[in-house]
């Protein structure tokens, strides 16, 4: 589990080292974290660490798939603020996860992961509603 804590703390440091939290910096940092978590799924000895690494890896992959690739046409760039807000909120949860991992507080870790899923679902729903309000028929799942 220590490797995952280290990965999260390096991610937190990388985000904090940026003068401004920009979408590009956050996406680059998340992609780097995702690649490292994917490796952790296969090398970790702890089944709990593997589960957490797998969840975070899949979560980040889903973010990229659904918020950056499989999105409605955005000629007016109205989705950018929602993406930025989402990425900022997610990045703010990493210190909480790291802290709860250090304290071995499994209930709180679960609650944070549940919050992450809720935030993800709410963001996807907002994007779908915005697209439909413009007459679009594209729905992200």
C-alpha atoms as a PDB file:
ATOM      1  CA  UNK A   1       0.000   0.000   0.000  1.00  0.00           C
ATOM      2  CA  UNK A   2       2.980   2.276   0.596  1.00  0.00           C
ATOM      3  CA  UNK A   3       3.693   2.400  -3.147  1.00  0.00           C
ATOM      4  CA  UNK A   4       0.199   3.737  -3.819  1.00  0.00           C
ATOM      5  CA  UNK A   5       0.582   6.321  -1.046  1.00  0.00           C
ATOM      6  CA  UNK A   6       3.873   7.400  -2.648  1.00  0.00           C
ATOM      7  CA  UNK A   7       2.253   7.622  -6.091  1.00  0.00           C
ATOM      8  CA  UNK A   8      -0.583   9.742  -4.723  1.00  0.00           C
ATOM      9  CA  UNK A   9       1.785  12.021  -2.813  1.00  0.00           C
ATOM     10  CA  UNK A  10       3.968  12.516  -5.894  1.00  0.00           C
ATOM     11  CA  UNK A  11       0.830  13.372  -7.852  1.00  0.00           C
ATOM     12  CA  UNK A  12      -0.235  15.850  -5.170  1.00  0.00           C
ATOM     13  CA  UNK A  13       3.225  17.445  -5.228  1.00  0.00           C
ATOM     14  CA  UNK A  14       3.194  17.647  -9.011  1.00  0.00           C
ATOM     15  CA  UNK A  15      -0.180  19.388  -8.987  1.00  0.00           C
ATOM     16  CA  UNK A  16       0.876  21.799  -6.217  1.00  0.00           C
ATOM     17  CA  UNK A  17       4.142  22.634  -7.997  1.00  0.00           C
ATOM     18  CA  UNK A  18       2.162  24.023 -10.885  1.00  0.00           C
ATOM     19  CA  UNK A  19       1.542  27.764 -10.471  1.00  0.00           C
ATOM     20  CA  UNK A  20      -1.969  27.426 -11.843  1.00  0.00           C
ATOM     21  CA  UNK A  21      -3.993  24.252 -11.937  1.00  0.00           C
ATOM     22  CA  UNK A  22      -4.588  23.973 -15.664  1.00  0.00           C
ATOM     23  CA  UNK A  23      -6.470  21.255 -17.494  1.00  0.00           C
ATOM     24  CA  UNK A  24      -3.369  20.268 -19.441  1.00  0.00           C
ATOM     25  CA  UNK A  25      -1.249  19.916 -16.290  1.00  0.00           C
ATOM     26  CA  UNK A  26      -3.957  17.929 -14.518  1.00  0.00           C
ATOM     27  CA  UNK A  27      -4.562  15.595 -17.444  1.00  0.00           C
ATOM     28  CA  UNK A  28      -0.839  15.011 -17.896  1.00  0.00           C
ATOM     29  CA  UNK A  29      -0.431  14.306 -14.177  1.00  0.00           C
ATOM     30  CA  UNK A  30      -3.455  12.000 -14.074  1.00  0.00           C
ATOM     31  CA  UNK A  31      -2.275  10.082 -17.120  1.00  0.00           C
ATOM     32  CA  UNK A  32       1.121   9.576 -15.496  1.00  0.00           C
ATOM     33  CA  UNK A  33      -0.553   8.371 -12.286  1.00  0.00           C
ATOM     34  CA  UNK A  34      -2.807   6.013 -14.249  1.00  0.00           C
ATOM     35  CA  UNK A  35       0.146   4.358 -15.986  1.00  0.00           C
ATOM     36  CA  UNK A  36       1.932   3.827 -12.685  1.00  0.00           C
ATOM     37  CA  UNK A  37      -1.215   2.471 -11.028  1.00  0.00           C
ATOM     38  CA  UNK A  38      -1.688   0.000 -13.880  1.00  0.00           C
ATOM     39  CA  UNK A  39       1.750  -1.429 -13.147  1.00  0.00           C
ATOM     40  CA  UNK A  40       0.950  -1.542  -9.430  1.00  0.00           C
ATOM     41  CA  UNK A  41      -2.049  -3.810 -10.142  1.00  0.00           C
ATOM     42  CA  UNK A  42       0.360  -6.520 -11.294  1.00  0.00           C
ATOM     43  CA  UNK A  43       3.274  -6.071  -8.905  1.00  0.00           C
ATOM     44  CA  UNK A  44       1.643  -5.361  -5.575  1.00  0.00           C
ATOM     45  CA  UNK A  45       1.642  -8.211  -3.067  1.00  0.00           C
ATOM     46  CA  UNK A  46      -1.335  -6.881  -1.128  1.00  0.00           C
ATOM     47  CA  UNK A  47      -4.778  -7.676  -2.501  1.00  0.00           C
ATOM     48  CA  UNK A  48      -6.105  -4.436  -0.975  1.00  0.00           C
ATOM     49  CA  UNK A  49      -3.405  -2.427  -2.740  1.00  0.00           C
ATOM     50  CA  UNK A  50      -4.201  -4.239  -5.986  1.00  0.00           C
ATOM     51  CA  UNK A  51      -7.895  -3.462  -5.597  1.00  0.00           C
ATOM     52  CA  UNK A  52      -7.241   0.222  -4.951  1.00  0.00           C
ATOM     53  CA  UNK A  53      -4.727   0.443  -7.810  1.00  0.00           C
ATOM     54  CA  UNK A  54      -7.175  -1.313 -10.130  1.00  0.00           C
ATOM     55  CA  UNK A  55     -10.056   0.967  -9.142  1.00  0.00           C
ATOM     56  CA  UNK A  56      -8.045   4.184  -9.524  1.00  0.00           C
ATOM     57  CA  UNK A  57      -6.531   2.980 -12.808  1.00  0.00           C
ATOM     58  CA  UNK A  58      -9.979   2.128 -14.228  1.00  0.00           C
ATOM     59  CA  UNK A  59     -11.444   5.356 -12.881  1.00  0.00           C
ATOM     60  CA  UNK A  60      -8.794   7.510 -14.537  1.00  0.00           C
ATOM     61  CA  UNK A  61      -9.110   5.574 -17.808  1.00  0.00           C
ATOM     62  CA  UNK A  62     -12.849   6.162 -17.717  1.00  0.00           C
ATOM     63  CA  UNK A  63     -12.290   9.880 -17.155  1.00  0.00           C
ATOM     64  CA  UNK A  64     -10.193  10.100 -20.293  1.00  0.00           C
ATOM     65  CA  UNK A  65     -12.531   7.929 -22.298  1.00  0.00           C
ATOM     66  CA  UNK A  66     -15.730   9.691 -21.323  1.00  0.00           C
ATOM     67  CA  UNK A  67     -14.685  13.269 -20.646  1.00  0.00           C
ATOM     68  CA  UNK A  68     -12.103  13.779 -23.345  1.00  0.00           C
ATOM     69  CA  UNK A  69     -12.674  11.246 -26.108  1.00  0.00           C
ATOM     70  CA  UNK A  70     -16.318  10.163 -26.144  1.00  0.00           C
ATOM     71  CA  UNK A  71     -17.906  13.584 -25.685  1.00  0.00           C
ATOM     72  CA  UNK A  72     -20.433  15.453 -27.773  1.00  0.00           C
ATOM     73  CA  UNK A  73     -19.226  17.929 -30.346  1.00  0.00           C
ATOM     74  CA  UNK A  74     -18.102  20.968 -28.445  1.00  0.00           C
ATOM     75  CA  UNK A  75     -17.576  23.638 -31.070  1.00  0.00           C
ATOM     76  CA  UNK A  76     -18.510  26.350 -28.574  1.00  0.00           C
ATOM     77  CA  UNK A  77     -16.112  24.931 -25.958  1.00  0.00           C
ATOM     78  CA  UNK A  78     -18.836  24.887 -23.294  1.00  0.00           C
ATOM     79  CA  UNK A  79     -17.560  21.635 -21.786  1.00  0.00           C
ATOM     80  CA  UNK A  80     -14.138  22.986 -20.850  1.00  0.00           C
ATOM     81  CA  UNK A  81     -15.329  24.592 -17.580  1.00  0.00           C
ATOM     82  CA  UNK A  82     -17.019  21.348 -16.527  1.00  0.00           C
ATOM     83  CA  UNK A  83     -13.919  19.330 -17.296  1.00  0.00           C
ATOM     84  CA  UNK A  84     -11.721  21.791 -15.406  1.00  0.00           C
ATOM     85  CA  UNK A  85     -14.034  21.835 -12.403  1.00  0.00           C
ATOM     86  CA  UNK A  86     -14.189  18.041 -12.345  1.00  0.00           C
ATOM     87  CA  UNK A  87     -10.418  17.626 -12.598  1.00  0.00           C
ATOM     88  CA  UNK A  88      -9.814  20.160  -9.838  1.00  0.00           C
ATOM     89  CA  UNK A  89     -12.285  18.427  -7.524  1.00  0.00           C
ATOM     90  CA  UNK A  90     -10.753  15.023  -8.214  1.00  0.00           C
ATOM     91  CA  UNK A  91      -7.224  16.294  -7.640  1.00  0.00           C
ATOM     92  CA  UNK A  92      -8.338  17.694  -4.283  1.00  0.00           C
ATOM     93  CA  UNK A  93      -9.430  14.200  -3.194  1.00  0.00           C
ATOM     94  CA  UNK A  94      -5.955  12.688  -3.600  1.00  0.00           C
ATOM     95  CA  UNK A  95      -4.608  14.193  -0.353  1.00  0.00           C
ATOM     96  CA  UNK A  96      -7.657  12.788   1.464  1.00  0.00           C
ATOM     97  CA  UNK A  97      -7.115   9.313   0.034  1.00  0.00           C
ATOM     98  CA  UNK A  98      -3.441   9.433   0.916  1.00  0.00           C
ATOM     99  CA  UNK A  99      -4.192  10.575   4.456  1.00  0.00           C
ATOM    100  CA  UNK A 100      -6.779   7.828   5.002  1.00  0.00           C
ATOM    101  CA  UNK A 101      -4.435   5.217   3.549  1.00  0.00           C
ATOM    102  CA  UNK A 102      -1.724   6.239   6.014  1.00  0.00           C
ATOM    103  CA  UNK A 103      -4.238   5.968   8.851  1.00  0.00           C
ATOM    104  CA  UNK A 104      -5.479   2.643   7.452  1.00  0.00           C
ATOM    105  CA  UNK A 105      -9.029   4.003   7.680  1.00  0.00           C
ATOM    106  CA  UNK A 106     -10.805   1.659   5.263  1.00  0.00           C
ATOM    107  CA  UNK A 107     -14.289   3.039   5.861  1.00  0.00           C
ATOM    108  CA  UNK A 108     -13.174   6.575   5.021  1.00  0.00           C
ATOM    109  CA  UNK A 109     -11.252   5.363   1.968  1.00  0.00           C
ATOM    110  CA  UNK A 110     -14.416   3.653   0.760  1.00  0.00           C
ATOM    111  CA  UNK A 111     -16.405   6.857   1.367  1.00  0.00           C
ATOM    112  CA  UNK A 112     -13.940   8.938  -0.650  1.00  0.00           C
ATOM    113  CA  UNK A 113     -14.051   6.445  -3.521  1.00  0.00           C
ATOM    114  CA  UNK A 114     -17.864   6.562  -3.382  1.00  0.00           C
ATOM    115  CA  UNK A 115     -17.661  10.374  -3.550  1.00  0.00           C
ATOM    116  CA  UNK A 116     -15.408  10.069  -6.596  1.00  0.00           C
ATOM    117  CA  UNK A 117     -17.943   7.858  -8.355  1.00  0.00           C
ATOM    118  CA  UNK A 118     -20.774  10.256  -7.476  1.00  0.00           C
ATOM    119  CA  UNK A 119     -18.778  13.232  -8.778  1.00  0.00           C
ATOM    120  CA  UNK A 120     -18.019  11.347 -11.984  1.00  0.00           C
ATOM    121  CA  UNK A 121     -21.678  10.398 -12.540  1.00  0.00           C
ATOM    122  CA  UNK A 122     -22.885  13.939 -11.810  1.00  0.00           C
ATOM    123  CA  UNK A 123     -20.374  15.410 -14.259  1.00  0.00           C
ATOM    124  CA  UNK A 124     -21.344  12.986 -17.019  1.00  0.00           C
ATOM    125  CA  UNK A 125     -25.030  13.771 -16.393  1.00  0.00           C
ATOM    126  CA  UNK A 126     -24.336  17.527 -16.627  1.00  0.00           C
ATOM    127  CA  UNK A 127     -22.510  17.055 -19.927  1.00  0.00           C
ATOM    128  CA  UNK A 128     -25.332  14.924 -21.301  1.00  0.00           C
ATOM    129  CA  UNK A 129     -27.913  17.515 -20.247  1.00  0.00           C
ATOM    130  CA  UNK A 130     -25.934  20.364 -21.822  1.00  0.00           C
ATOM    131  CA  UNK A 131     -25.655  18.429 -25.078  1.00  0.00           C
ATOM    132  CA  UNK A 132     -29.351  17.574 -25.117  1.00  0.00           C
ATOM    133  CA  UNK A 133     -30.275  21.193 -24.373  1.00  0.00           C
ATOM    134  CA  UNK A 134     -28.422  22.126 -27.575  1.00  0.00           C
ATOM    135  CA  UNK A 135     -30.469  19.553 -29.489  1.00  0.00           C
ATOM    136  CA  UNK A 136     -27.783  16.882 -29.389  1.00  0.00           C
ATOM    137  CA  UNK A 137     -28.509  13.209 -29.108  1.00  0.00           C
ATOM    138  CA  UNK A 138     -25.119  12.031 -27.968  1.00  0.00           C
ATOM    139  CA  UNK A 139     -25.168  10.479 -24.547  1.00  0.00           C
ATOM    140  CA  UNK A 140     -22.092   9.441 -22.626  1.00  0.00           C
ATOM    141  CA  UNK A 141     -22.357   6.240 -20.597  1.00  0.00           C
END
